[in-house]
Amino acid sequence: MTQKERVLEKLRTGEWFSTVNAVNMCILRLGAIIFDLNKEGHKIEARRTYGKTYSEYRLHSQQENKNTK
């Protein structure tokens, strides 16, 4: 399983996924992977966590995607 597949699997849980989570899985370029997944058409939401120096990401659910169209 590639790093991109592993990240996508985690994002599909609907939970926020951070750089810290990625490093714990030995994935060091999460931003690049998120960029690639966005380019492939995945709708990924990003947020900055107050008091933290990293971003967190999650995949929009199908229901959320339908509501935004």
Protein backbone atom coordinates (compact mmCIF):
# COMPACT_ATOMS: atom_id res chain seq x y z
CA MET A 1 0.00 0.00 0.00
CA THR A 2 1.41 3.39 -0.99
CA GLN A 3 1.62 6.37 1.36
CA LYS A 4 -1.11 8.09 -0.64
CA GLU A 5 -3.40 5.06 -0.26
CA ARG A 6 -2.70 4.95 3.47
CA VAL A 7 -3.53 8.66 3.87
CA LEU A 8 -6.71 8.31 1.81
CA GLU A 9 -7.77 5.33 3.94
CA LYS A 10 -7.36 7.42 7.10
CA LEU A 11 -9.17 10.40 5.59
CA ARG A 12 -12.11 8.19 4.64
CA THR A 13 -12.80 7.59 8.33
CA GLY A 14 -14.08 11.20 8.47
CA GLU A 15 -11.80 12.08 11.37
CA TRP A 16 -9.29 14.93 11.28
CA PHE A 17 -5.82 13.74 10.20
CA SER A 18 -2.74 15.81 11.01
CA THR A 19 0.93 15.94 10.18
CA VAL A 20 1.57 14.46 13.63
CA ASN A 21 -0.63 11.45 12.75
CA ALA A 22 1.22 11.11 9.44
CA VAL A 23 4.66 11.20 11.06
CA ASN A 24 3.54 8.46 13.45
CA MET A 25 2.82 6.40 10.31
CA CYS A 26 6.27 7.30 8.84
CA ILE A 27 4.71 9.62 6.25
CA LEU A 28 6.76 12.81 6.09
CA ARG A 29 5.28 14.76 3.15
CA LEU A 30 1.59 14.93 4.04
CA GLY A 31 1.11 18.32 2.34
CA ALA A 32 2.34 16.91 -0.97
CA ILE A 33 0.06 13.90 -0.66
CA ILE A 34 -2.93 16.12 0.17
CA PHE A 35 -2.09 18.27 -2.87
CA ASP A 36 -2.04 15.19 -5.11
CA LEU A 37 -5.32 13.87 -3.68
CA ASN A 38 -6.98 17.25 -4.26
CA LYS A 39 -5.67 17.26 -7.82
CA GLU A 40 -7.22 13.81 -8.34
CA GLY A 41 -10.61 15.25 -7.37
CA HIS A 42 -10.90 14.33 -3.69
CA LYS A 43 -12.57 17.07 -1.66
CA ILE A 44 -10.31 17.58 1.33
CA GLU A 45 -10.96 20.18 4.01
CA ALA A 46 -8.03 21.76 5.85
CA ARG A 47 -7.97 23.65 9.12
CA ARG A 48 -5.38 25.23 11.35
CA THR A 49 -5.70 24.12 14.93
CA TYR A 50 -5.57 26.93 17.48
CA GLY A 51 -2.28 26.83 19.37
CA LYS A 52 -0.70 24.33 16.96
CA THR A 53 1.80 24.87 14.17
CA TYR A 54 0.37 22.28 11.78
CA SER A 55 -2.77 21.73 9.76
CA GLU A 56 -5.35 18.99 10.00
CA TYR A 57 -7.23 17.49 7.09
CA ARG A 58 -10.37 15.48 6.52
CA LEU A 59 -12.26 14.20 3.54
CA HIS A 60 -15.67 15.73 2.93
CA SER A 61 -18.41 13.14 3.19
CA GLN A 62 -20.58 12.48 0.14
CA GLN A 63 -23.53 14.15 1.90
CA GLU A 64 -21.52 17.32 2.55
CA ASN A 65 -20.41 17.37 -1.12
CA LYS A 66 -24.02 17.13 -2.31
CA ASN A 67 -25.08 20.01 -0.05
CA THR A 68 -22.40 22.32 -1.42
CA LYS A 69 -23.37 21.93 -5.10
